[in-house]
Amino acid sequence: MTFYRSFLVRYGWIMGSPKSGTALERLGHDLRSARLSRRVAVADLAARAGTSPSTIARLERGDPGVAVGTLADVLVSLGLIEKLADLVDIRKDDLGLALTSERLPQRGRSYASKLRRQEKQEDKAGKDEPDDVDPNGVAF
């Protein structure tokens, strides 16, 4: 954990989990490496992404307060926007696919749908019996 993040956590300004903090720091490090390998200055990347250099620095430090939209703009500027779309790809979500295949969790049925099913069953049962008709045309 970097000094900056440990300082913020120590004084209670960041309430996130340690796992998310570590992942954000790794993301920031990877973004910095991508920027440096492309030989792009912080000011140039900020101008391309439509943000400030200090926001780019915060993003590279793993600050959880940077907006996801800003991250997306930076990834577009670096030519890495496909990575954002692949972040939570449901086709690669093994647990989600397993639960879907087991039909878990199933959607609960409402009381109104139960009443509609009962009415349909009563209508089917009532069609088998002929209606009693009053000579005045009123059905019973």
N, C-alpha and C. Protein backbone atom coordinates (compact mmCIF):
# COMPACT_ATOMS: atom_id res chain seq x y z
N MET A 1 0.85 -1.17 0.00
CA MET A 1 0.00 0.00 0.00
C MET A 1 0.90 1.23 0.00
N THR A 2 0.59 2.18 -0.86
CA THR A 2 1.41 3.38 -0.94
C THR A 2 1.21 4.25 0.29
N PHE A 3 2.15 5.15 0.50
CA PHE A 3 2.06 6.04 1.66
C PHE A 3 0.79 6.88 1.60
N TYR A 4 0.48 7.39 0.41
CA TYR A 4 -0.71 8.24 0.25
C TYR A 4 -1.97 7.49 0.65
N ARG A 5 -2.13 6.27 0.14
CA ARG A 5 -3.33 5.49 0.45
C ARG A 5 -3.36 5.10 1.92
N SER A 6 -2.22 4.69 2.47
CA SER A 6 -2.20 4.30 3.88
C SER A 6 -2.54 5.49 4.77
N PHE A 7 -2.12 6.70 4.36
CA PHE A 7 -2.46 7.90 5.10
C PHE A 7 -3.97 8.13 5.07
N LEU A 8 -4.59 8.00 3.89
CA LEU A 8 -6.03 8.22 3.77
C LEU A 8 -6.82 7.16 4.53
N VAL A 9 -6.36 5.92 4.49
CA VAL A 9 -7.06 4.85 5.21
C VAL A 9 -6.92 5.06 6.71
N ARG A 10 -5.73 5.42 7.16
CA ARG A 10 -5.47 5.60 8.58
C ARG A 10 -6.40 6.64 9.20
N TYR A 11 -6.66 7.71 8.47
CA TYR A 11 -7.51 8.77 9.01
C TYR A 11 -8.97 8.65 8.62
N GLY A 12 -9.33 7.53 8.05
CA GLY A 12 -10.73 7.24 7.81
C GLY A 12 -11.34 7.93 6.61
N TRP A 13 -10.53 8.43 5.71
CA TRP A 13 -11.08 9.12 4.55
C TRP A 13 -11.44 8.15 3.44
N ILE A 14 -10.93 6.94 3.52
CA ILE A 14 -11.27 5.91 2.54
C ILE A 14 -11.85 4.74 3.32
N MET A 15 -13.05 4.32 2.92
CA MET A 15 -13.71 3.24 3.64
C MET A 15 -13.77 1.95 2.81
N GLY A 16 -13.10 1.91 1.68
CA GLY A 16 -13.15 0.74 0.82
C GLY A 16 -12.43 -0.45 1.41
N SER A 17 -12.64 -1.60 0.80
CA SER A 17 -11.99 -2.81 1.28
C SER A 17 -10.53 -2.82 0.85
N PRO A 18 -9.69 -3.55 1.56
CA PRO A 18 -8.27 -3.64 1.18
C PRO A 18 -8.08 -4.28 -0.19
N LYS A 19 -8.95 -5.22 -0.54
CA LYS A 19 -8.82 -5.86 -1.86
C LYS A 19 -9.07 -4.87 -2.98
N SER A 20 -10.10 -4.04 -2.82
CA SER A 20 -10.38 -3.06 -3.88
C SER A 20 -9.27 -2.02 -3.94
N GLY A 21 -8.72 -1.65 -2.80
CA GLY A 21 -7.61 -0.70 -2.80
C GLY A 21 -6.40 -1.23 -3.53
N THR A 22 -6.08 -2.48 -3.29
CA THR A 22 -4.94 -3.10 -3.97
C THR A 22 -5.19 -3.19 -5.47
N ALA A 23 -6.40 -3.55 -5.86
CA ALA A 23 -6.74 -3.66 -7.28
C ALA A 23 -6.66 -2.29 -7.95
N LEU A 24 -7.12 -1.24 -7.27
CA LEU A 24 -7.06 0.10 -7.84
C LEU A 24 -5.62 0.58 -7.97
N GLU A 25 -4.79 0.24 -7.00
CA GLU A 25 -3.37 0.61 -7.10
C GLU A 25 -2.71 -0.11 -8.26
N ARG A 26 -3.05 -1.38 -8.46
CA ARG A 26 -2.49 -2.13 -9.59
C ARG A 26 -2.97 -1.54 -10.92
N LEU A 27 -4.26 -1.15 -10.96
CA LEU A 27 -4.80 -0.52 -12.16
C LEU A 27 -4.06 0.79 -12.45
N GLY A 28 -3.84 1.59 -11.41
CA GLY A 28 -3.11 2.84 -11.58
C GLY A 28 -1.69 2.62 -12.07
N HIS A 29 -1.04 1.61 -11.50
CA HIS A 29 0.32 1.28 -11.94
C HIS A 29 0.33 0.86 -13.39
N ASP A 30 -0.64 0.04 -13.78
CA ASP A 30 -0.72 -0.42 -15.17
C ASP A 30 -1.02 0.74 -16.13
N LEU A 31 -1.87 1.67 -15.71
CA LEU A 31 -2.16 2.84 -16.55
C LEU A 31 -0.91 3.69 -16.73
N ARG A 32 -0.16 3.86 -15.64
CA ARG A 32 1.08 4.63 -15.72
C ARG A 32 2.07 3.94 -16.66
N SER A 33 2.18 2.62 -16.56
CA SER A 33 3.09 1.88 -17.43
C SER A 33 2.66 2.01 -18.90
N ALA A 34 1.36 1.95 -19.15
CA ALA A 34 0.85 2.09 -20.52
C ALA A 34 1.16 3.50 -21.05
N ARG A 35 0.98 4.49 -20.21
CA ARG A 35 1.25 5.88 -20.62
C ARG A 35 2.73 6.07 -20.93
N LEU A 36 3.58 5.54 -20.05
CA LEU A 36 5.02 5.70 -20.24
C LEU A 36 5.53 4.91 -21.44
N SER A 37 5.00 3.73 -21.67
CA SER A 37 5.44 2.94 -22.83
C SER A 37 5.05 3.61 -24.14
N ARG A 38 4.01 4.44 -24.11
CA ARG A 38 3.59 5.20 -25.30
C ARG A 38 4.28 6.56 -25.37
N ARG A 39 5.11 6.85 -24.36
CA ARG A 39 5.85 8.11 -24.25
C ARG A 39 4.91 9.33 -24.30
N VAL A 40 3.86 9.25 -23.48
CA VAL A 40 2.88 10.33 -23.39
C VAL A 40 3.05 11.00 -22.03
N ALA A 41 3.16 12.30 -22.02
CA ALA A 41 3.29 13.05 -20.77
C ALA A 41 1.92 13.13 -20.08
N VAL A 42 1.96 13.33 -18.77
CA VAL A 42 0.72 13.43 -17.99
C VAL A 42 -0.14 14.57 -18.53
N ALA A 43 0.47 15.71 -18.83
CA ALA A 43 -0.29 16.87 -19.33
C ALA A 43 -0.94 16.56 -20.68
N ASP A 44 -0.23 15.85 -21.55
CA ASP A 44 -0.78 15.50 -22.86
C ASP A 44 -1.94 14.52 -22.72
N LEU A 45 -1.78 13.53 -21.85
CA LEU A 45 -2.86 12.57 -21.64
C LEU A 45 -4.08 13.25 -21.03
N ALA A 46 -3.86 14.17 -20.12
CA ALA A 46 -4.96 14.90 -19.51
C ALA A 46 -5.70 15.73 -20.56
N ALA A 47 -4.97 16.37 -21.45
CA ALA A 47 -5.60 17.17 -22.50
C ALA A 47 -6.41 16.27 -23.44
N ARG A 48 -5.86 15.12 -23.81
CA ARG A 48 -6.58 14.19 -24.70
C ARG A 48 -7.83 13.63 -24.04
N ALA A 49 -7.75 13.37 -22.73
CA ALA A 49 -8.88 12.77 -22.01
C ALA A 49 -9.87 13.82 -21.52
N GLY A 50 -9.53 15.09 -21.64
CA GLY A 50 -10.43 16.15 -21.20
C GLY A 50 -10.52 16.29 -19.69
N THR A 51 -9.41 16.09 -19.03
CA THR A 51 -9.36 16.21 -17.57
C THR A 51 -8.09 16.95 -17.18
N SER A 52 -7.84 17.03 -15.90
CA SER A 52 -6.65 17.76 -15.42
C SER A 52 -5.50 16.80 -15.16
N PRO A 53 -4.28 17.31 -15.20
CA PRO A 53 -3.12 16.47 -14.87
C PRO A 53 -3.19 15.89 -13.46
N SER A 54 -3.76 16.65 -12.52
CA SER A 54 -3.85 16.13 -11.15
C SER A 54 -4.80 14.93 -11.09
N THR A 55 -5.84 14.92 -11.93
CA THR A 55 -6.75 13.77 -11.96
C THR A 55 -6.05 12.55 -12.53
N ILE A 56 -5.20 12.76 -13.54
CA ILE A 56 -4.41 11.64 -14.09
C ILE A 56 -3.48 11.11 -13.02
N ALA A 57 -2.85 11.99 -12.25
CA ALA A 57 -1.95 11.56 -11.17
C ALA A 57 -2.73 10.77 -10.12
N ARG A 58 -3.94 11.25 -9.77
CA ARG A 58 -4.77 10.52 -8.80
C ARG A 58 -5.15 9.15 -9.34
N LEU A 59 -5.48 9.08 -10.61
CA LEU A 59 -5.85 7.81 -11.22
C LEU A 59 -4.67 6.84 -11.20
N GLU A 60 -3.49 7.33 -11.47
CA GLU A 60 -2.29 6.49 -11.46
C GLU A 60 -1.90 6.07 -10.05
N ARG A 61 -2.33 6.80 -9.04
CA ARG A 61 -2.07 6.40 -7.65
C ARG A 61 -3.10 5.39 -7.15
N GLY A 62 -4.19 5.23 -7.89
CA GLY A 62 -5.23 4.29 -7.46
C GLY A 62 -6.27 4.92 -6.58
N ASP A 63 -6.48 6.22 -6.72
CA ASP A 63 -7.47 6.94 -5.92
C ASP A 63 -8.88 6.46 -6.29
N PRO A 64 -9.65 5.95 -5.31
CA PRO A 64 -10.99 5.45 -5.62
C PRO A 64 -12.01 6.55 -5.92
N GLY A 65 -11.63 7.80 -5.74
CA GLY A 65 -12.55 8.90 -5.97
C GLY A 65 -12.61 9.37 -7.42
N VAL A 66 -11.77 8.84 -8.27
CA VAL A 66 -11.78 9.23 -9.68
C VAL A 66 -12.96 8.55 -10.37
N ALA A 67 -13.70 9.31 -11.15
CA ALA A 67 -14.91 8.80 -11.80
C ALA A 67 -14.59 7.74 -12.85
N VAL A 68 -15.52 6.82 -13.02
CA VAL A 68 -15.36 5.76 -14.01
C VAL A 68 -15.35 6.36 -15.42
N GLY A 69 -16.10 7.43 -15.61
CA GLY A 69 -16.11 8.11 -16.91
C GLY A 69 -14.74 8.66 -17.26
N THR A 70 -14.04 9.17 -16.26
CA THR A 70 -12.68 9.67 -16.48
C THR A 70 -11.75 8.53 -16.85
N LEU A 71 -11.90 7.41 -16.17
CA LEU A 71 -11.12 6.22 -16.52
C LEU A 71 -11.38 5.82 -17.97
N ALA A 72 -12.65 5.83 -18.37
CA ALA A 72 -13.00 5.47 -19.75
C ALA A 72 -12.36 6.43 -20.74
N ASP A 73 -12.38 7.73 -20.44
CA ASP A 73 -11.76 8.72 -21.34
C ASP A 73 -10.26 8.50 -21.45
N VAL A 74 -9.62 8.16 -20.35
CA VAL A 74 -8.17 7.89 -20.37
C VAL A 74 -7.89 6.64 -21.19
N LEU A 75 -8.71 5.61 -21.02
CA LEU A 75 -8.51 4.38 -21.79
C LEU A 75 -8.71 4.62 -23.28
N VAL A 76 -9.66 5.47 -23.65
CA VAL A 76 -9.85 5.82 -25.07
C VAL A 76 -8.60 6.52 -25.58
N SER A 77 -8.08 7.44 -24.79
CA SER A 77 -6.88 8.18 -25.19
C SER A 77 -5.67 7.27 -25.37
N LEU A 78 -5.61 6.21 -24.58
CA LEU A 78 -4.48 5.27 -24.68
C LEU A 78 -4.75 4.15 -25.68
N GLY A 79 -5.96 4.09 -26.22
CA GLY A 79 -6.30 3.03 -27.17
C GLY A 79 -6.60 1.71 -26.48
N LEU A 80 -7.07 1.76 -25.25
CA LEU A 80 -7.32 0.54 -24.47
C LEU A 80 -8.78 0.39 -24.04
N ILE A 81 -9.71 1.05 -24.72
CA ILE A 81 -11.09 1.05 -24.28
C ILE A 81 -11.71 -0.36 -24.31
N GLU A 82 -11.21 -1.25 -25.14
CA GLU A 82 -11.75 -2.62 -25.19
C GLU A 82 -11.58 -3.32 -23.84
N LYS A 83 -10.52 -2.96 -23.13
CA LYS A 83 -10.25 -3.57 -21.82
C LYS A 83 -11.36 -3.24 -20.82
N LEU A 84 -11.94 -2.05 -20.93
CA LEU A 84 -13.01 -1.67 -20.02
C LEU A 84 -14.26 -2.50 -20.29
N ALA A 85 -14.56 -2.73 -21.56
CA ALA A 85 -15.73 -3.52 -21.90
C ALA A 85 -15.57 -4.98 -21.47
N ASP A 86 -14.34 -5.47 -21.41
CA ASP A 86 -14.09 -6.85 -21.02
C ASP A 86 -14.02 -7.04 -19.51
N LEU A 87 -14.10 -5.96 -18.75
CA LEU A 87 -13.95 -6.05 -17.31
C LEU A 87 -14.91 -7.02 -16.66
N VAL A 88 -16.17 -6.92 -16.97
CA VAL A 88 -17.18 -7.81 -16.39
C VAL A 88 -17.94 -8.45 -17.55
N ASP A 89 -17.23 -9.21 -18.34
CA ASP A 89 -17.83 -9.90 -19.48
C ASP A 89 -18.61 -11.10 -18.96
N ILE A 90 -19.91 -11.12 -19.17
CA ILE A 90 -20.73 -12.20 -18.61
C ILE A 90 -20.42 -13.54 -19.25
N ARG A 91 -19.83 -13.52 -20.42
CA ARG A 91 -19.47 -14.80 -21.06
C ARG A 91 -18.28 -15.45 -20.37
N LYS A 92 -17.53 -14.68 -19.60
CA LYS A 92 -16.36 -15.21 -18.89
C LYS A 92 -16.61 -15.35 -17.39
N ASP A 93 -17.83 -15.10 -16.96
CA ASP A 93 -18.20 -15.18 -15.55
C ASP A 93 -18.63 -16.61 -15.22
N ASP A 94 -17.70 -17.43 -14.75
CA ASP A 94 -17.97 -18.84 -14.49
C ASP A 94 -19.07 -19.03 -13.45
N LEU A 95 -19.01 -18.28 -12.37
CA LEU A 95 -20.02 -18.42 -11.32
C LEU A 95 -21.40 -18.01 -11.84
N GLY A 96 -21.46 -16.90 -12.53
CA GLY A 96 -22.74 -16.44 -13.08
C GLY A 96 -23.32 -17.43 -14.07
N LEU A 97 -22.47 -17.99 -14.91
CA LEU A 97 -22.93 -18.98 -15.88
C LEU A 97 -23.42 -20.25 -15.19
N ALA A 98 -22.73 -20.67 -14.14
CA ALA A 98 -23.15 -21.87 -13.41
C ALA A 98 -24.50 -21.65 -12.74
N LEU A 99 -24.68 -20.49 -12.12
CA LEU A 99 -25.95 -20.19 -11.48
C LEU A 99 -27.08 -20.08 -12.49
N THR A 100 -26.79 -19.52 -13.64
CA THR A 100 -27.81 -19.41 -14.68
C THR A 100 -28.21 -20.78 -15.19
N SER A 101 -27.22 -21.66 -15.34
CA SER A 101 -27.53 -22.99 -15.84
C SER A 101 -28.35 -23.80 -14.84
N GLU A 102 -28.19 -23.51 -13.57
CA GLU A 102 -28.99 -24.18 -12.54
C GLU A 102 -30.32 -23.48 -12.30
N ARG A 103 -30.53 -22.39 -13.00
CA ARG A 103 -31.74 -21.58 -12.83
C ARG A 103 -31.84 -20.98 -11.42
N LEU A 104 -30.68 -20.64 -10.85
CA LEU A 104 -30.66 -20.01 -9.54
C LEU A 104 -30.18 -18.60 -9.68
N PRO A 105 -30.64 -17.66 -9.02
CA PRO A 105 -31.87 -17.68 -8.23
C PRO A 105 -33.09 -17.53 -9.13
N GLN A 106 -34.17 -18.19 -8.78
CA GLN A 106 -35.39 -18.09 -9.56
C GLN A 106 -36.16 -16.86 -9.11
N ARG A 107 -36.86 -16.30 -10.04
CA ARG A 107 -37.65 -15.12 -9.73
C ARG A 107 -38.86 -15.51 -8.92
N GLY A 108 -39.15 -14.81 -7.88
CA GLY A 108 -40.31 -15.10 -7.05
C GLY A 108 -41.60 -14.74 -7.76
N ARG A 109 -42.64 -15.46 -7.44
CA ARG A 109 -43.93 -15.19 -8.05
C ARG A 109 -44.73 -14.28 -7.13
N SER A 110 -45.43 -13.35 -7.75
CA SER A 110 -46.22 -12.43 -6.96
C SER A 110 -47.60 -13.02 -6.68
N TYR A 111 -48.28 -12.44 -5.74
CA TYR A 111 -49.62 -12.90 -5.39
C TYR A 111 -50.58 -12.67 -6.55
N ALA A 112 -50.38 -11.59 -7.29
CA ALA A 112 -51.26 -11.29 -8.43
C ALA A 112 -51.14 -12.37 -9.51
N SER A 113 -49.94 -12.85 -9.76
CA SER A 113 -49.79 -13.90 -10.77
C SER A 113 -50.45 -15.19 -10.29
N LYS A 114 -50.43 -15.45 -9.00
CA LYS A 114 -51.10 -16.62 -8.45
C LYS A 114 -52.61 -16.51 -8.68
N LEU A 115 -53.18 -15.34 -8.47
CA LEU A 115 -54.61 -15.13 -8.69
C LEU A 115 -54.97 -15.30 -10.17
N ARG A 116 -54.10 -14.79 -11.06
CA ARG A 116 -54.37 -14.95 -12.50
C ARG A 116 -54.37 -16.42 -12.89
N ARG A 117 -53.43 -17.19 -12.35
CA ARG A 117 -53.40 -18.63 -12.66
C ARG A 117 -54.65 -19.33 -12.15
N GLN A 118 -55.11 -18.95 -10.96
CA GLN A 118 -56.33 -19.56 -10.42
C GLN A 118 -57.54 -19.20 -11.27
N GLU A 119 -57.62 -17.96 -11.74
CA GLU A 119 -58.73 -17.55 -12.60
C GLU A 119 -58.72 -18.33 -13.91
N LYS A 120 -57.53 -18.53 -14.48
CA LYS A 120 -57.44 -19.30 -15.73
C LYS A 120 -57.92 -20.73 -15.51
N GLN A 121 -57.52 -21.32 -14.38
CA GLN A 121 -57.96 -22.69 -14.10
C GLN A 121 -59.46 -22.75 -13.89
N GLU A 122 -60.02 -21.77 -13.23
CA GLU A 122 -61.47 -21.72 -13.01
C GLU A 122 -62.21 -21.52 -14.33
N ASP A 123 -61.65 -20.70 -15.21
CA ASP A 123 -62.27 -20.49 -16.52
C ASP A 123 -62.29 -21.78 -17.33
N LYS A 124 -61.18 -22.53 -17.29
CA LYS A 124 -61.12 -23.80 -18.01
C LYS A 124 -62.13 -24.79 -17.44
N ALA A 125 -62.23 -24.84 -16.14
CA ALA A 125 -63.18 -25.76 -15.49
C ALA A 125 -64.62 -25.34 -15.78
N GLY A 126 -64.89 -24.06 -15.85
CA GLY A 126 -66.23 -23.56 -16.09
C GLY A 126 -66.69 -23.76 -17.52
N LYS A 127 -65.79 -23.88 -18.47
CA LYS A 127 -66.15 -24.06 -19.88
C LYS A 127 -66.68 -25.46 -20.14
N ASP A 128 -66.34 -26.41 -19.31
CA ASP A 128 -66.81 -27.78 -19.51
C ASP A 128 -68.29 -27.91 -19.20
N GLU A 129 -68.80 -27.11 -18.27
CA GLU A 129 -70.20 -27.19 -17.87
C GLU A 129 -71.00 -26.16 -18.67
N PRO A 130 -72.18 -26.52 -19.14
CA PRO A 130 -72.99 -25.52 -19.86
C PRO A 130 -73.55 -24.50 -18.87
N ASP A 131 -73.66 -23.27 -19.34
CA ASP A 131 -74.20 -22.20 -18.49
C ASP A 131 -75.71 -22.33 -18.39
N ASP A 132 -76.23 -22.08 -17.21
CA ASP A 132 -77.67 -22.00 -17.03
C ASP A 132 -78.12 -20.62 -17.47
N VAL A 133 -79.07 -20.58 -18.37
CA VAL A 133 -79.52 -19.31 -18.90
C VAL A 133 -80.97 -19.08 -18.48
N ASP A 134 -81.24 -17.92 -17.99
CA ASP A 134 -82.58 -17.51 -17.60
C ASP A 134 -83.32 -17.09 -18.87
N PRO A 135 -84.60 -17.34 -18.94
CA PRO A 135 -85.34 -16.92 -20.13
C PRO A 135 -85.22 -15.42 -20.41
N ASN A 136 -84.93 -14.65 -19.41
CA ASN A 136 -84.77 -13.21 -19.62
C ASN A 136 -83.38 -12.87 -20.14
N GLY A 137 -82.49 -13.88 -20.35
CA GLY A 137 -81.16 -13.67 -20.90
C GLY A 137 -80.09 -13.43 -19.87
N VAL A 138 -80.35 -13.69 -18.60
CA VAL A 138 -79.36 -13.49 -17.55
C VAL A 138 -78.71 -14.82 -17.24
N ALA A 139 -77.37 -14.87 -17.28
CA ALA A 139 -76.65 -16.12 -17.03
C ALA A 139 -76.40 -16.27 -15.54
N PHE A 140 -76.46 -17.52 -15.10
CA PHE A 140 -76.18 -17.83 -13.70
C PHE A 140 -74.87 -18.54 -13.58
